Amino acid sequence: MAAPPLHDAASGALVTGRSGLVPVETVAAHPQRKIIAAGYTNGRITVCQIGSPDELVVKLAGSMITALAWSDDGRHLAAGMVDGTAAIITFPALLFK
């Protein structure tokens, strides 16, 4: 397995998404691709390819994201929020080609 794309090998920071001041609460690795979903304390959800600064914003804001999980086939992302709500996000197959 290749080493992850580290921005700063000393600190171990991954090059993924954009830097910001909103803390990440939870992350979930895609089961088949080098992609992660990140859930933030401000309710935002992003999907990023590891090693790329590009990101797809899936949910803008709202209740803090406390849980994320990909389906086995990687087409669906389940999200749980601190206010007790949940969502399932379905991605088009073309997104992962």
PDB file of N, CA and C in Angstrom:
ATOM      1  N   MET A   1       0.845  -1.180   0.000  1.00  0.00           N
ATOM      2  CA  MET A   1       0.000   0.000   0.000  1.00  0.00           C
ATOM      3  C   MET A   1       0.886   1.237   0.000  1.00  0.00           C
ATOM      4  N   ALA A   2       0.550   2.183  -0.856  1.00  0.00           N
ATOM      5  CA  ALA A   2       1.320   3.419  -0.945  1.00  0.00           C
ATOM      6  C   ALA A   2       1.064   4.293   0.276  1.00  0.00           C
ATOM      7  N   ALA A   3       2.065   5.104   0.588  1.00  0.00           N
ATOM      8  CA  ALA A   3       1.925   6.028   1.711  1.00  0.00           C
ATOM      9  C   ALA A   3       0.870   7.079   1.376  1.00  0.00           C
ATOM     10  N   PRO A   4       0.131   7.556   2.369  1.00  0.00           N
ATOM     11  CA  PRO A   4      -0.880   8.584   2.098  1.00  0.00           C
ATOM     12  C   PRO A   4      -0.226   9.895   1.679  1.00  0.00           C
ATOM     13  N   PRO A   5      -0.944  10.738   0.912  1.00  0.00           N
ATOM     14  CA  PRO A   5      -0.384  12.014   0.457  1.00  0.00           C
ATOM     15  C   PRO A   5      -0.377  13.034   1.590  1.00  0.00           C
ATOM     16  N   LEU A   6       0.733  13.118   2.278  1.00  0.00           N
ATOM     17  CA  LEU A   6       0.823  14.006   3.428  1.00  0.00           C
ATOM     18  C   LEU A   6       1.235  15.405   3.000  1.00  0.00           C
ATOM     19  N   HIS A   7       0.549  16.397   3.516  1.00  0.00           N
ATOM     20  CA  HIS A   7       0.902  17.789   3.261  1.00  0.00           C
ATOM     21  C   HIS A   7       2.169  18.126   4.049  1.00  0.00           C
ATOM     22  N   ASP A   8       2.222  17.646   5.247  1.00  0.00           N
ATOM     23  CA  ASP A   8       3.356  17.889   6.128  1.00  0.00           C
ATOM     24  C   ASP A   8       3.667  16.577   6.833  1.00  0.00           C
ATOM     25  N   ALA A   9       4.707  15.897   6.361  1.00  0.00           N
ATOM     26  CA  ALA A   9       5.035  14.580   6.900  1.00  0.00           C
ATOM     27  C   ALA A   9       5.285  14.623   8.408  1.00  0.00           C
ATOM     28  N   ALA A  10       5.791  15.741   8.911  1.00  0.00           N
ATOM     29  CA  ALA A  10       6.078  15.845  10.342  1.00  0.00           C
ATOM     30  C   ALA A  10       4.797  15.840  11.176  1.00  0.00           C
ATOM     31  N   SER A  11       3.761  16.527  10.692  1.00  0.00           N
ATOM     32  CA  SER A  11       2.522  16.598  11.470  1.00  0.00           C
ATOM     33  C   SER A  11       1.544  15.490  11.115  1.00  0.00           C
ATOM     34  N   GLY A  12       1.724  14.881   9.924  1.00  0.00           N
ATOM     35  CA  GLY A  12       0.821  13.825   9.493  1.00  0.00           C
ATOM     36  C   GLY A  12      -0.477  14.334   8.897  1.00  0.00           C
ATOM     37  N   ALA A  13      -0.534  15.624   8.513  1.00  0.00           N
ATOM     38  CA  ALA A  13      -1.755  16.201   7.943  1.00  0.00           C
ATOM     39  C   ALA A  13      -1.969  15.697   6.520  1.00  0.00           C
ATOM     40  N   LEU A  14      -3.170  15.211   6.233  1.00  0.00           N
ATOM     41  CA  LEU A  14      -3.520  14.766   4.883  1.00  0.00           C
ATOM     42  C   LEU A  14      -3.890  15.951   4.010  1.00  0.00           C
ATOM     43  N   VAL A  15      -3.552  15.835   2.721  1.00  0.00           N
ATOM     44  CA  VAL A  15      -3.963  16.837   1.747  1.00  0.00           C
ATOM     45  C   VAL A  15      -5.328  16.416   1.222  1.00  0.00           C
ATOM     46  N   THR A  16      -6.369  16.973   1.773  1.00  0.00           N
ATOM     47  CA  THR A  16      -7.738  16.638   1.381  1.00  0.00           C
ATOM     48  C   THR A  16      -8.638  17.813   1.712  1.00  0.00           C
ATOM     49  N   GLY A  17      -9.480  18.221   0.772  1.00  0.00           N
ATOM     50  CA  GLY A  17     -10.408  19.311   1.034  1.00  0.00           C
ATOM     51  C   GLY A  17      -9.702  20.633   1.254  1.00  0.00           C
ATOM     52  N   ARG A  18     -10.377  21.538   1.920  1.00  0.00           N
ATOM     53  CA  ARG A  18      -9.837  22.869   2.180  1.00  0.00           C
ATOM     54  C   ARG A  18      -9.666  23.061   3.686  1.00  0.00           C
ATOM     55  N   SER A  19      -8.658  23.848   4.034  1.00  0.00           N
ATOM     56  CA  SER A  19      -8.462  24.126   5.453  1.00  0.00           C
ATOM     57  C   SER A  19      -9.510  25.132   5.913  1.00  0.00           C
ATOM     58  N   GLY A  20      -9.829  25.090   7.171  1.00  0.00           N
ATOM     59  CA  GLY A  20     -10.835  26.004   7.698  1.00  0.00           C
ATOM     60  C   GLY A  20     -10.839  25.987   9.208  1.00  0.00           C
ATOM     61  N   LEU A  21     -11.721  26.767   9.769  1.00  0.00           N
ATOM     62  CA  LEU A  21     -11.772  26.904  11.216  1.00  0.00           C
ATOM     63  C   LEU A  21     -12.893  26.106  11.863  1.00  0.00           C
ATOM     64  N   VAL A  22     -13.696  25.401  11.078  1.00  0.00           N
ATOM     65  CA  VAL A  22     -14.786  24.598  11.625  1.00  0.00           C
ATOM     66  C   VAL A  22     -14.275  23.180  11.865  1.00  0.00           C
ATOM     67  N   PRO A  23     -14.341  22.690  13.086  1.00  0.00           N
ATOM     68  CA  PRO A  23     -13.818  21.353  13.386  1.00  0.00           C
ATOM     69  C   PRO A  23     -14.598  20.233  12.687  1.00  0.00           C
ATOM     70  N   VAL A  24     -13.847  19.236  12.273  1.00  0.00           N
ATOM     71  CA  VAL A  24     -14.442  18.014  11.727  1.00  0.00           C
ATOM     72  C   VAL A  24     -14.836  17.136  12.909  1.00  0.00           C
ATOM     73  N   GLU A  25     -16.070  16.659  12.919  1.00  0.00           N
ATOM     74  CA  GLU A  25     -16.565  15.819  14.011  1.00  0.00           C
ATOM     75  C   GLU A  25     -16.403  14.335  13.705  1.00  0.00           C
ATOM     76  N   THR A  26     -16.602  13.941  12.444  1.00  0.00           N
ATOM     77  CA  THR A  26     -16.536  12.525  12.079  1.00  0.00           C
ATOM     78  C   THR A  26     -16.131  12.375  10.617  1.00  0.00           C
ATOM     79  N   VAL A  27     -15.488  11.262  10.295  1.00  0.00           N
ATOM     80  CA  VAL A  27     -15.118  10.954   8.910  1.00  0.00           C
ATOM     81  C   VAL A  27     -15.477   9.501   8.616  1.00  0.00           C
ATOM     82  N   ALA A  28     -15.659   9.213   7.323  1.00  0.00           N
ATOM     83  CA  ALA A  28     -15.927   7.840   6.891  1.00  0.00           C
ATOM     84  C   ALA A  28     -15.206   7.613   5.570  1.00  0.00           C
ATOM     85  N   ALA A  29     -14.454   6.531   5.495  1.00  0.00           N
ATOM     86  CA  ALA A  29     -13.728   6.182   4.274  1.00  0.00           C
ATOM     87  C   ALA A  29     -14.635   5.402   3.330  1.00  0.00           C
ATOM     88  N   HIS A  30     -14.581   5.762   2.054  1.00  0.00           N
ATOM     89  CA  HIS A  30     -15.347   5.051   1.026  1.00  0.00           C
ATOM     90  C   HIS A  30     -14.846   3.611   0.964  1.00  0.00           C
ATOM     91  N   PRO A  31     -15.721   2.629   0.779  1.00  0.00           N
ATOM     92  CA  PRO A  31     -15.294   1.226   0.802  1.00  0.00           C
ATOM     93  C   PRO A  31     -14.491   0.774  -0.419  1.00  0.00           C
ATOM     94  N   GLN A  32     -14.517   1.538  -1.521  1.00  0.00           N
ATOM     95  CA  GLN A  32     -13.852   1.088  -2.740  1.00  0.00           C
ATOM     96  C   GLN A  32     -12.896   2.106  -3.348  1.00  0.00           C
ATOM     97  N   ARG A  33     -13.001   3.347  -2.988  1.00  0.00           N
ATOM     98  CA  ARG A  33     -12.212   4.405  -3.621  1.00  0.00           C
ATOM     99  C   ARG A  33     -11.454   5.213  -2.569  1.00  0.00           C
ATOM    100  N   LYS A  34     -10.503   6.026  -3.037  1.00  0.00           N
ATOM    101  CA  LYS A  34      -9.732   6.886  -2.139  1.00  0.00           C
ATOM    102  C   LYS A  34     -10.519   8.167  -1.881  1.00  0.00           C
ATOM    103  N   ILE A  35     -11.657   7.993  -1.247  1.00  0.00           N
ATOM    104  CA  ILE A  35     -12.581   9.094  -0.972  1.00  0.00           C
ATOM    105  C   ILE A  35     -12.986   9.027   0.496  1.00  0.00           C
ATOM    106  N   ILE A  36     -13.106  10.204   1.106  1.00  0.00           N
ATOM    107  CA  ILE A  36     -13.638  10.266   2.465  1.00  0.00           C
ATOM    108  C   ILE A  36     -14.817  11.235   2.504  1.00  0.00           C
ATOM    109  N   ALA A  37     -15.713  10.986   3.417  1.00  0.00           N
ATOM    110  CA  ALA A  37     -16.781  11.928   3.737  1.00  0.00           C
ATOM    111  C   ALA A  37     -16.426  12.518   5.094  1.00  0.00           C
ATOM    112  N   ALA A  38     -16.608  13.814   5.236  1.00  0.00           N
ATOM    113  CA  ALA A  38     -16.317  14.488   6.499  1.00  0.00           C
ATOM    114  C   ALA A  38     -17.570  15.201   6.986  1.00  0.00           C
ATOM    115  N   GLY A  39     -17.876  15.032   8.267  1.00  0.00           N
ATOM    116  CA  GLY A  39     -19.005  15.715   8.895  1.00  0.00           C
ATOM    117  C   GLY A  39     -18.478  16.734   9.890  1.00  0.00           C
ATOM    118  N   TYR A  40     -18.979  17.943   9.812  1.00  0.00           N
ATOM    119  CA  TYR A  40     -18.469  19.052  10.608  1.00  0.00           C
ATOM    120  C   TYR A  40     -19.403  19.410  11.763  1.00  0.00           C
ATOM    121  N   THR A  41     -18.854  20.150  12.714  1.00  0.00           N
ATOM    122  CA  THR A  41     -19.649  20.576  13.862  1.00  0.00           C
ATOM    123  C   THR A  41     -20.740  21.573  13.478  1.00  0.00           C
ATOM    124  N   ASN A  42     -20.596  22.247  12.338  1.00  0.00           N
ATOM    125  CA  ASN A  42     -21.617  23.205  11.894  1.00  0.00           C
ATOM    126  C   ASN A  42     -22.683  22.564  11.009  1.00  0.00           C
ATOM    127  N   GLY A  43     -22.652  21.227  10.860  1.00  0.00           N
ATOM    128  CA  GLY A  43     -23.655  20.511  10.085  1.00  0.00           C
ATOM    129  C   GLY A  43     -23.305  20.272   8.632  1.00  0.00           C
ATOM    130  N   ARG A  44     -22.160  20.735   8.208  1.00  0.00           N
ATOM    131  CA  ARG A  44     -21.739  20.564   6.816  1.00  0.00           C
ATOM    132  C   ARG A  44     -21.221  19.146   6.596  1.00  0.00           C
ATOM    133  N   ILE A  45     -21.492  18.604   5.408  1.00  0.00           N
ATOM    134  CA  ILE A  45     -20.918  17.323   4.986  1.00  0.00           C
ATOM    135  C   ILE A  45     -20.228  17.548   3.651  1.00  0.00           C
ATOM    136  N   THR A  46     -18.980  17.108   3.553  1.00  0.00           N
ATOM    137  CA  THR A  46     -18.247  17.183   2.293  1.00  0.00           C
ATOM    138  C   THR A  46     -17.712  15.804   1.933  1.00  0.00           C
ATOM    139  N   VAL A  47     -17.500  15.606   0.643  1.00  0.00           N
ATOM    140  CA  VAL A  47     -16.879  14.388   0.135  1.00  0.00           C
ATOM    141  C   VAL A  47     -15.635  14.826  -0.624  1.00  0.00           C
ATOM    142  N   CYS A  48     -14.495  14.214  -0.297  1.00  0.00           N
ATOM    143  CA  CYS A  48     -13.212  14.615  -0.870  1.00  0.00           C
ATOM    144  C   CYS A  48     -12.428  13.394  -1.333  1.00  0.00           C
ATOM    145  N   GLN A  49     -11.670  13.583  -2.404  1.00  0.00           N
ATOM    146  CA  GLN A  49     -10.734  12.546  -2.831  1.00  0.00           C
ATOM    147  C   GLN A  49      -9.435  12.786  -2.081  1.00  0.00           C
ATOM    148  N   ILE A  50      -8.902  11.760  -1.455  1.00  0.00           N
ATOM    149  CA  ILE A  50      -7.657  11.899  -0.706  1.00  0.00           C
ATOM    150  C   ILE A  50      -6.552  12.306  -1.669  1.00  0.00           C
ATOM    151  N   GLY A  51      -5.828  13.356  -1.310  1.00  0.00           N
ATOM    152  CA  GLY A  51      -4.744  13.860  -2.132  1.00  0.00           C
ATOM    153  C   GLY A  51      -5.140  15.008  -3.032  1.00  0.00           C
ATOM    154  N   SER A  52      -6.414  15.396  -3.001  1.00  0.00           N
ATOM    155  CA  SER A  52      -6.900  16.485  -3.850  1.00  0.00           C
ATOM    156  C   SER A  52      -7.550  17.555  -2.979  1.00  0.00           C
ATOM    157  N   PRO A  53      -7.355  18.834  -3.305  1.00  0.00           N
ATOM    158  CA  PRO A  53      -8.007  19.894  -2.536  1.00  0.00           C
ATOM    159  C   PRO A  53      -9.477  20.087  -2.908  1.00  0.00           C
ATOM    160  N   ASP A  54      -9.933  19.447  -3.982  1.00  0.00           N
ATOM    161  CA  ASP A  54     -11.330  19.584  -4.407  1.00  0.00           C
ATOM    162  C   ASP A  54     -12.255  18.854  -3.445  1.00  0.00           C
ATOM    163  N   GLU A  55     -13.446  19.401  -3.274  1.00  0.00           N
ATOM    164  CA  GLU A  55     -14.430  18.772  -2.407  1.00  0.00           C
ATOM    165  C   GLU A  55     -15.827  19.000  -2.963  1.00  0.00           C
ATOM    166  N   LEU A  56     -16.702  18.082  -2.658  1.00  0.00           N
ATOM    167  CA  LEU A  56     -18.108  18.177  -3.026  1.00  0.00           C
ATOM    168  C   LEU A  56     -18.888  18.436  -1.744  1.00  0.00           C
ATOM    169  N   VAL A  57     -19.578  19.555  -1.675  1.00  0.00           N
ATOM    170  CA  VAL A  57     -20.398  19.867  -0.503  1.00  0.00           C
ATOM    171  C   VAL A  57     -21.737  19.157  -0.677  1.00  0.00           C
ATOM    172  N   VAL A  58     -22.036  18.260   0.240  1.00  0.00           N
ATOM    173  CA  VAL A  58     -23.252  17.455   0.178  1.00  0.00           C
ATOM    174  C   VAL A  58     -24.369  18.083   1.012  1.00  0.00           C
ATOM    175  N   LYS A  59     -24.006  18.696   2.119  1.00  0.00           N
ATOM    176  CA  LYS A  59     -24.972  19.350   3.015  1.00  0.00           C
ATOM    177  C   LYS A  59     -24.309  20.618   3.519  1.00  0.00           C
ATOM    178  N   LEU A  60     -25.027  21.741   3.447  1.00  0.00           N
ATOM    179  CA  LEU A  60     -24.418  23.023   3.795  1.00  0.00           C
ATOM    180  C   LEU A  60     -24.274  23.263   5.288  1.00  0.00           C
ATOM    181  N   ALA A  61     -25.334  23.221   6.033  1.00  0.00           N
ATOM    182  CA  ALA A  61     -25.255  23.544   7.459  1.00  0.00           C
ATOM    183  C   ALA A  61     -26.482  23.009   8.177  1.00  0.00           C
ATOM    184  N   GLY A  62     -26.431  23.110   9.486  1.00  0.00           N
ATOM    185  CA  GLY A  62     -27.542  22.638  10.308  1.00  0.00           C
ATOM    186  C   GLY A  62     -27.014  22.012  11.575  1.00  0.00           C
ATOM    187  N   SER A  63     -27.656  20.966  12.005  1.00  0.00           N
ATOM    188  CA  SER A  63     -27.273  20.271  13.226  1.00  0.00           C
ATOM    189  C   SER A  63     -25.936  19.544  13.038  1.00  0.00           C
ATOM    190  N   MET A  64     -25.110  19.540  14.082  1.00  0.00           N
ATOM    191  CA  MET A  64     -23.793  18.911  14.026  1.00  0.00           C
ATOM    192  C   MET A  64     -23.885  17.457  13.558  1.00  0.00           C
ATOM    193  N   ILE A  65     -22.978  17.070  12.672  1.00  0.00           N
ATOM    194  CA  ILE A  65     -22.910  15.701  12.163  1.00  0.00           C
ATOM    195  C   ILE A  65     -22.161  14.853  13.187  1.00  0.00           C
ATOM    196  N   THR A  66     -22.781  13.774  13.651  1.00  0.00           N
ATOM    197  CA  THR A  66     -22.142  12.926  14.660  1.00  0.00           C
ATOM    198  C   THR A  66     -21.778  11.542  14.141  1.00  0.00           C
ATOM    199  N   ALA A  67     -22.329  11.154  12.990  1.00  0.00           N
ATOM    200  CA  ALA A  67     -22.031   9.819  12.450  1.00  0.00           C
ATOM    201  C   ALA A  67     -22.143   9.839  10.932  1.00  0.00           C
ATOM    202  N   LEU A  68     -21.223   9.125  10.276  1.00  0.00           N
ATOM    203  CA  LEU A  68     -21.247   8.929   8.828  1.00  0.00           C
ATOM    204  C   LEU A  68     -20.892   7.485   8.540  1.00  0.00           C
ATOM    205  N   ALA A  69     -21.542   6.892   7.553  1.00  0.00           N
ATOM    206  CA  ALA A  69     -21.218   5.513   7.151  1.00  0.00           C
ATOM    207  C   ALA A  69     -21.611   5.324   5.692  1.00  0.00           C
ATOM    208  N   TRP A  70     -20.698   4.730   4.912  1.00  0.00           N
ATOM    209  CA  TRP A  70     -20.962   4.396   3.512  1.00  0.00           C
ATOM    210  C   TRP A  70     -21.624   3.025   3.425  1.00  0.00           C
ATOM    211  N   SER A  71     -22.463   2.845   2.420  1.00  0.00           N
ATOM    212  CA  SER A  71     -23.001   1.511   2.126  1.00  0.00           C
ATOM    213  C   SER A  71     -21.871   0.666   1.547  1.00  0.00           C
ATOM    214  N   ASP A  72     -22.038  -0.644   1.546  1.00  0.00           N
ATOM    215  CA  ASP A  72     -20.994  -1.543   1.042  1.00  0.00           C
ATOM    216  C   ASP A  72     -20.615  -1.258  -0.405  1.00  0.00           C
ATOM    217  N   ASP A  73     -21.590  -0.839  -1.222  1.00  0.00           N
ATOM    218  CA  ASP A  73     -21.288  -0.557  -2.629  1.00  0.00           C
ATOM    219  C   ASP A  73     -20.811   0.879  -2.850  1.00  0.00           C
ATOM    220  N   GLY A  74     -20.808   1.706  -1.811  1.00  0.00           N
ATOM    221  CA  GLY A  74     -20.311   3.070  -1.908  1.00  0.00           C
ATOM    222  C   GLY A  74     -21.242   4.046  -2.602  1.00  0.00           C
ATOM    223  N   ARG A  75     -22.462   3.664  -2.886  1.00  0.00           N
ATOM    224  CA  ARG A  75     -23.413   4.550  -3.575  1.00  0.00           C
ATOM    225  C   ARG A  75     -24.214   5.411  -2.596  1.00  0.00           C
ATOM    226  N   HIS A  76     -24.252   5.010  -1.331  1.00  0.00           N
ATOM    227  CA  HIS A  76     -25.079   5.717  -0.349  1.00  0.00           C
ATOM    228  C   HIS A  76     -24.230   6.091   0.867  1.00  0.00           C
ATOM    229  N   LEU A  77     -24.525   7.257   1.409  1.00  0.00           N
ATOM    230  CA  LEU A  77     -23.863   7.728   2.615  1.00  0.00           C
ATOM    231  C   LEU A  77     -24.942   8.039   3.647  1.00  0.00           C
ATOM    232  N   ALA A  78     -24.861   7.376   4.795  1.00  0.00           N
ATOM    233  CA  ALA A  78     -25.796   7.638   5.888  1.00  0.00           C
ATOM    234  C   ALA A  78     -25.166   8.665   6.824  1.00  0.00           C
ATOM    235  N   ALA A  79     -25.988   9.593   7.289  1.00  0.00           N
ATOM    236  CA  ALA A  79     -25.510  10.631   8.199  1.00  0.00           C
ATOM    237  C   ALA A  79     -26.459  10.741   9.381  1.00  0.00           C
ATOM    238  N   GLY A  80     -25.871  10.895  10.569  1.00  0.00           N
ATOM    239  CA  GLY A  80     -26.649  11.119  11.776  1.00  0.00           C
ATOM    240  C   GLY A  80     -26.269  12.460  12.375  1.00  0.00           C
ATOM    241  N   MET A  81     -27.267  13.194  12.863  1.00  0.00           N
ATOM    242  CA  MET A  81     -27.042  14.508  13.429  1.00  0.00           C
ATOM    243  C   MET A  81     -27.332  14.510  14.923  1.00  0.00           C
ATOM    244  N   VAL A  82     -26.742  15.458  15.623  1.00  0.00           N
ATOM    245  CA  VAL A  82     -26.868  15.526  17.072  1.00  0.00           C
ATOM    246  C   VAL A  82     -28.312  15.782  17.518  1.00  0.00           C
ATOM    247  N   ASP A  83     -29.136  16.377  16.656  1.00  0.00           N
ATOM    248  CA  ASP A  83     -30.528  16.636  17.030  1.00  0.00           C
ATOM    249  C   ASP A  83     -31.432  15.418  16.848  1.00  0.00           C
ATOM    250  N   GLY A  84     -30.850  14.269  16.480  1.00  0.00           N
ATOM    251  CA  GLY A  84     -31.615  13.039  16.339  1.00  0.00           C
ATOM    252  C   GLY A  84     -32.094  12.751  14.933  1.00  0.00           C
ATOM    253  N   THR A  85     -31.871  13.665  14.004  1.00  0.00           N
ATOM    254  CA  THR A  85     -32.270  13.417  12.619  1.00  0.00           C
ATOM    255  C   THR A  85     -31.209  12.590  11.904  1.00  0.00           C
ATOM    256  N   ALA A  86     -31.633  11.964  10.821  1.00  0.00           N
ATOM    257  CA  ALA A  86     -30.727  11.149  10.015  1.00  0.00           C
ATOM    258  C   ALA A  86     -31.074  11.354   8.547  1.00  0.00           C
ATOM    259  N   ALA A  87     -30.111  11.042   7.683  1.00  0.00           N
ATOM    260  CA  ALA A  87     -30.332  11.174   6.243  1.00  0.00           C
ATOM    261  C   ALA A  87     -29.531  10.108   5.520  1.00  0.00           C
ATOM    262  N   ILE A  88     -30.033   9.708   4.370  1.00  0.00           N
ATOM    263  CA  ILE A  88     -29.278   8.835   3.474  1.00  0.00           C
ATOM    264  C   ILE A  88     -29.117   9.589   2.163  1.00  0.00           C
ATOM    265  N   ILE A  89     -27.880   9.795   1.762  1.00  0.00           N
ATOM    266  CA  ILE A  89     -27.553  10.508   0.534  1.00  0.00           C
ATOM    267  C   ILE A  89     -27.178   9.473  -0.513  1.00  0.00           C
ATOM    268  N   THR A  90     -27.834   9.514  -1.662  1.00  0.00           N
ATOM    269  CA  THR A  90     -27.542   8.588  -2.752  1.00  0.00           C
ATOM    270  C   THR A  90     -26.793   9.344  -3.835  1.00  0.00           C
ATOM    271  N   PHE A  91     -25.658   8.789  -4.241  1.00  0.00           N
ATOM    272  CA  PHE A  91     -24.822   9.408  -5.263  1.00  0.00           C
ATOM    273  C   PHE A  91     -25.048   8.726  -6.606  1.00  0.00           C
ATOM    274  N   PRO A  92     -25.046   9.488  -7.707  1.00  0.00           N
ATOM    275  CA  PRO A  92     -25.183   8.866  -9.029  1.00  0.00           C
ATOM    276  C   PRO A  92     -23.946   8.035  -9.358  1.00  0.00           C
ATOM    277  N   ALA A  93     -24.136   6.940 -10.069  1.00  0.00           N
ATOM    278  CA  ALA A  93     -23.021   6.053 -10.416  1.00  0.00           C
ATOM    279  C   ALA A  93     -21.934   6.799 -11.181  1.00  0.00           C
ATOM    280  N   LEU A  94     -22.305   7.766 -12.004  1.00  0.00           N
ATOM    281  CA  LEU A  94     -21.324   8.508 -12.800  1.00  0.00           C
ATOM    282  C   LEU A  94     -20.347   9.303 -11.947  1.00  0.00           C
ATOM    283  N   LEU A  95     -20.725   9.621 -10.728  1.00  0.00           N
ATOM    284  CA  LEU A  95     -19.855  10.396  -9.853  1.00  0.00           C
ATOM    285  C   LEU A  95     -18.554   9.663  -9.546  1.00  0.00           C
ATOM    286  N   PHE A  96     -18.578   8.348  -9.530  1.00  0.00           N
ATOM    287  CA  PHE A  96     -17.407   7.570  -9.133  1.00  0.00           C
ATOM    288  C   PHE A  96     -16.713   6.883 -10.298  1.00  0.00           C
ATOM    289  N   LYS A  97     -16.977   7.302 -11.520  1.00  0.00           N
ATOM    290  CA  LYS A  97     -16.316   6.688 -12.685  1.00  0.00           C
ATOM    291  C   LYS A  97     -14.957   7.269 -12.892  1.00  0.00           C
TER     292      LYS A  97
END
